[in-house]
Amino acid sequence: ELWLNLDFDLLDLANLAVSACVGLWYLATRHWLANNAFGLAFAINAIELLHLNKVATGAILLSGLFIYDVFWVFGTNVMVTVAKSFEAPIKLVFPQDLLEKGLAADKFAMLGLGDIVIPGIFVALLLRYDAARGRSGRPYFCCCLAAYCAGLLATIVVMHVFKHAQPALLYLVPCCLGAPLLLALARGELGCLLRYEDTDGAADSRTGAKKTD
């Protein structure tokens, strides 16, 4: 009976109505704006639910996925083929002919949700690191976030110049790992950064999972 004990307010009902409208819009038209709305929602929710507990763990994860992404994009055409043929909000799409066709654009560049979520949970870890150290300005978080944006910009530029699909993690991983590590080295805090273990985030994740169950 616990699952029937739900507490709603007007804001929840309004959100439900808007979400239902966007869902119907996507099912009816497969419009890229509706696709991106779902994709961003999935990515934000995933970053909130998934937690890294150590910077070293994040570095290993990003490095492994760096190799994986490069191989499957440059070594084979499997990933590109699946991304183009699979009609679901598992990617963000950016119209390349937006200026010519407006919202009716039909030529797209793609960014997989994994290219948002995986670096995103690492950026979130650095935010918790800054908070745990009581630092104002959140230097490591801001540094890594800026590096992510720079890596994403580099991906887009290279993709447009060479007219070929690019493994985004090829550019995102060096930026997201290199920037905070260089900052820590410059501040003499590299050892502290690598030794940091986030126990609160892991506990929150387990608590959230139990509540969901």
Protein backbone atom coordinates (compact mmCIF):
# COMPACT_ATOMS: atom_id res chain seq x y z
CA GLU A 1 0.00 0.00 0.00
CA LEU A 2 2.99 2.30 0.39
CA TRP A 3 3.23 2.93 -3.32
CA LEU A 4 -0.25 4.45 -3.23
CA ASN A 5 0.80 6.94 -0.56
CA LEU A 6 1.76 9.72 -2.98
CA ASP A 7 1.96 13.39 -2.16
CA PHE A 8 1.26 15.79 -5.04
CA ASP A 9 1.00 19.54 -5.23
CA LEU A 10 -0.03 21.83 -8.07
CA LEU A 11 3.55 22.19 -9.27
CA ASP A 12 3.90 18.41 -9.59
CA LEU A 13 0.68 18.21 -11.58
CA ALA A 14 1.81 21.05 -13.85
CA ASN A 15 5.13 19.29 -14.44
CA LEU A 16 3.29 16.07 -15.22
CA ALA A 17 1.09 17.83 -17.75
CA VAL A 18 4.05 19.50 -19.47
CA SER A 19 6.00 16.23 -19.53
CA ALA A 20 3.05 14.39 -21.03
CA CYS A 21 2.70 17.03 -23.74
CA VAL A 22 6.41 16.81 -24.61
CA GLY A 23 6.17 13.02 -24.67
CA LEU A 24 3.21 13.07 -27.04
CA TRP A 25 4.98 15.66 -29.19
CA TYR A 26 8.03 13.41 -29.45
CA LEU A 27 5.99 10.29 -30.23
CA ALA A 28 4.01 12.10 -32.91
CA THR A 29 6.78 14.03 -34.65
CA ARG A 30 10.21 12.82 -33.43
CA HIS A 31 11.13 16.51 -33.43
CA TRP A 32 14.71 17.27 -32.46
CA LEU A 33 13.69 19.75 -29.76
CA ALA A 34 11.55 17.13 -28.02
CA ASN A 35 14.37 14.62 -28.39
CA ASN A 36 16.81 17.03 -26.76
CA ALA A 37 14.39 17.80 -23.93
CA PHE A 38 14.22 14.11 -23.04
CA GLY A 39 17.94 13.63 -23.56
CA LEU A 40 18.84 16.48 -21.21
CA ALA A 41 16.39 15.21 -18.60
CA PHE A 42 17.89 11.71 -18.76
CA ALA A 43 21.44 13.08 -18.56
CA ILE A 44 20.72 15.33 -15.56
CA ASN A 45 18.95 12.51 -13.75
CA ALA A 46 21.83 10.11 -14.44
CA ILE A 47 24.42 12.58 -13.13
CA GLU A 48 22.33 13.00 -9.99
CA LEU A 49 21.99 9.25 -9.42
CA LEU A 50 25.51 8.09 -10.31
CA HIS A 51 28.42 8.91 -8.03
CA LEU A 52 32.17 8.51 -8.21
CA ASN A 53 33.91 8.29 -4.86
CA LYS A 54 37.53 8.95 -5.87
CA VAL A 55 39.30 11.10 -8.44
CA ALA A 56 41.56 8.15 -9.27
CA THR A 57 38.51 5.99 -9.97
CA GLY A 58 37.12 8.69 -12.24
CA ALA A 59 40.44 8.97 -14.07
CA ILE A 60 40.53 5.21 -14.71
CA LEU A 61 36.91 5.21 -15.89
CA LEU A 62 37.42 8.15 -18.24
CA SER A 63 40.66 6.69 -19.61
CA GLY A 64 39.03 3.35 -20.35
CA LEU A 65 36.07 4.95 -22.08
CA PHE A 66 38.46 7.20 -24.00
CA ILE A 67 40.02 4.12 -25.62
CA TYR A 68 36.61 2.50 -26.11
CA ASP A 69 35.14 5.56 -27.83
CA VAL A 70 38.11 6.11 -30.14
CA PHE A 71 38.16 2.47 -31.23
CA TRP A 72 34.44 2.17 -31.95
CA VAL A 73 34.26 5.43 -33.89
CA PHE A 74 37.51 5.33 -35.86
CA GLY A 75 38.09 1.57 -35.90
CA THR A 76 34.60 0.53 -37.00
CA ASN A 77 31.40 2.15 -38.21
CA VAL A 78 29.21 0.33 -35.68
CA MET A 79 28.73 3.18 -33.22
CA VAL A 80 28.00 5.79 -35.88
CA THR A 81 25.56 3.47 -37.67
CA VAL A 82 23.68 2.63 -34.48
CA ALA A 83 23.52 6.27 -33.39
CA LYS A 84 22.08 7.34 -36.73
CA SER A 85 19.60 4.51 -37.09
CA PHE A 86 18.31 4.17 -33.52
CA GLU A 87 15.35 6.50 -33.05
CA ALA A 88 15.32 7.24 -29.33
CA PRO A 89 16.40 10.13 -27.10
CA ILE A 90 19.78 8.54 -26.34
CA LYS A 91 21.60 11.45 -27.92
CA LEU A 92 21.39 15.19 -28.35
CA VAL A 93 21.08 16.41 -31.91
CA PHE A 94 22.19 19.79 -33.20
CA PRO A 95 20.81 21.02 -36.53
CA GLN A 96 23.51 21.97 -39.00
CA ASP A 97 21.04 23.66 -41.34
CA LEU A 98 19.18 25.64 -38.68
CA LEU A 99 19.81 28.98 -40.38
CA GLU A 100 18.43 27.73 -43.69
CA LYS A 101 15.44 25.68 -42.50
CA GLY A 102 14.79 26.91 -38.97
CA LEU A 103 13.02 24.46 -36.67
CA ALA A 104 12.34 22.19 -39.66
CA ALA A 105 16.06 21.41 -39.96
CA ASP A 106 16.83 17.83 -40.96
CA LYS A 107 20.63 17.61 -41.06
CA PHE A 108 22.06 16.95 -37.62
CA ALA A 109 25.24 16.50 -35.66
CA MET A 110 24.93 14.18 -32.67
CA LEU A 111 26.27 14.01 -29.13
CA GLY A 112 25.68 10.79 -27.20
CA LEU A 113 24.33 11.04 -23.67
CA GLY A 114 27.35 9.10 -22.45
CA ASP A 115 29.52 12.01 -23.55
CA ILE A 116 27.54 14.17 -21.12
CA VAL A 117 26.95 11.77 -18.24
CA ILE A 118 30.41 10.22 -17.86
CA PRO A 119 32.35 13.50 -17.74
CA GLY A 120 29.42 14.98 -15.82
CA ILE A 121 29.77 12.63 -12.86
CA PHE A 122 33.48 13.48 -12.74
CA VAL A 123 32.71 17.21 -12.75
CA ALA A 124 30.16 16.60 -9.97
CA LEU A 125 32.82 14.79 -7.94
CA LEU A 126 35.07 17.84 -8.15
CA LEU A 127 32.18 20.03 -7.01
CA ARG A 128 31.83 17.83 -3.92
CA TYR A 129 35.60 17.97 -3.43
CA ASP A 130 35.49 21.78 -3.41
CA ALA A 131 32.56 21.72 -0.99
CA ALA A 132 34.30 19.25 1.32
CA ARG A 133 37.37 21.49 1.45
CA GLY A 134 35.22 24.57 2.07
CA ARG A 135 36.68 26.46 -0.86
CA SER A 136 34.89 29.56 -2.05
CA GLY A 137 34.62 29.98 -5.78
CA ARG A 138 34.71 26.20 -6.40
CA PRO A 139 38.03 26.33 -8.32
CA TYR A 140 38.25 22.66 -9.33
CA PHE A 141 34.63 22.47 -10.37
CA CYS A 142 34.82 25.66 -12.43
CA CYS A 143 38.11 24.59 -13.98
CA CYS A 144 36.78 21.18 -15.02
CA LEU A 145 33.48 22.58 -16.25
CA ALA A 146 35.29 25.15 -18.39
CA ALA A 147 37.58 22.41 -19.71
CA TYR A 148 34.54 20.28 -20.61
CA CYS A 149 33.06 23.18 -22.58
CA ALA A 150 36.40 23.70 -24.35
CA GLY A 151 36.59 20.00 -25.22
CA LEU A 152 33.05 20.04 -26.54
CA LEU A 153 33.82 23.09 -28.65
CA ALA A 154 36.92 21.36 -30.02
CA THR A 155 34.79 18.33 -30.94
CA ILE A 156 32.31 20.47 -32.85
CA VAL A 157 35.03 22.41 -34.68
CA VAL A 158 36.91 19.27 -35.75
CA MET A 159 33.67 17.60 -36.82
CA HIS A 160 32.72 20.52 -39.04
CA VAL A 161 36.22 20.90 -40.49
CA PHE A 162 36.73 17.22 -41.38
CA LYS A 163 33.05 16.40 -42.05
CA HIS A 164 33.38 13.13 -40.14
CA ALA A 165 31.93 11.76 -36.93
CA GLN A 166 34.21 12.36 -33.97
CA PRO A 167 34.55 10.45 -30.69
CA ALA A 168 33.74 13.25 -28.28
CA LEU A 169 35.64 11.61 -25.44
CA LEU A 170 38.81 11.95 -27.51
CA TYR A 171 38.65 15.66 -26.70
CA LEU A 172 36.61 15.68 -23.49
CA VAL A 173 38.72 13.24 -21.48
CA PRO A 174 42.08 15.04 -21.86
CA CYS A 175 40.38 18.33 -21.04
CA CYS A 176 38.39 17.06 -18.04
CA LEU A 177 41.33 15.15 -16.58
CA GLY A 178 44.16 17.45 -17.55
CA ALA A 179 42.70 20.74 -16.36
CA PRO A 180 42.00 19.83 -12.69
CA LEU A 181 45.22 17.81 -12.40
CA LEU A 182 47.27 20.73 -13.70
CA LEU A 183 45.43 23.09 -11.36
CA ALA A 184 46.14 20.79 -8.42
CA LEU A 185 49.79 20.55 -9.44
CA ALA A 186 50.07 24.34 -9.66
CA ARG A 187 48.47 24.74 -6.22
CA GLY A 188 50.56 21.98 -4.66
CA GLU A 189 47.43 19.92 -3.92
CA LEU A 190 47.85 17.00 -6.30
CA GLY A 191 48.30 14.44 -3.53
CA CYS A 192 45.30 15.78 -1.63
CA LEU A 193 43.14 15.64 -4.75
CA LEU A 194 44.12 12.07 -5.58
CA ARG A 195 43.62 10.90 -1.99
CA TYR A 196 40.17 12.45 -1.69
CA GLU A 197 37.35 9.97 -1.09
CA ASP A 198 33.74 11.08 -1.22
CA THR A 199 31.83 9.03 1.33
CA ASP A 200 28.83 11.36 1.58
CA GLY A 201 27.99 11.07 -2.12
CA ALA A 202 28.11 7.28 -2.03
CA ALA A 203 25.91 7.22 1.06
CA ASP A 204 23.39 9.54 -0.58
CA SER A 205 23.34 7.31 -3.65
CA ARG A 206 22.63 4.20 -1.57
CA THR A 207 19.92 6.02 0.37
CA GLY A 208 18.27 7.15 -2.85
CA ALA A 209 18.33 3.61 -4.21
CA LYS A 210 16.69 2.27 -1.05
CA LYS A 211 13.97 4.91 -1.21
CA THR A 212 13.33 4.03 -4.84
CA ASP A 213 13.02 0.36 -3.96
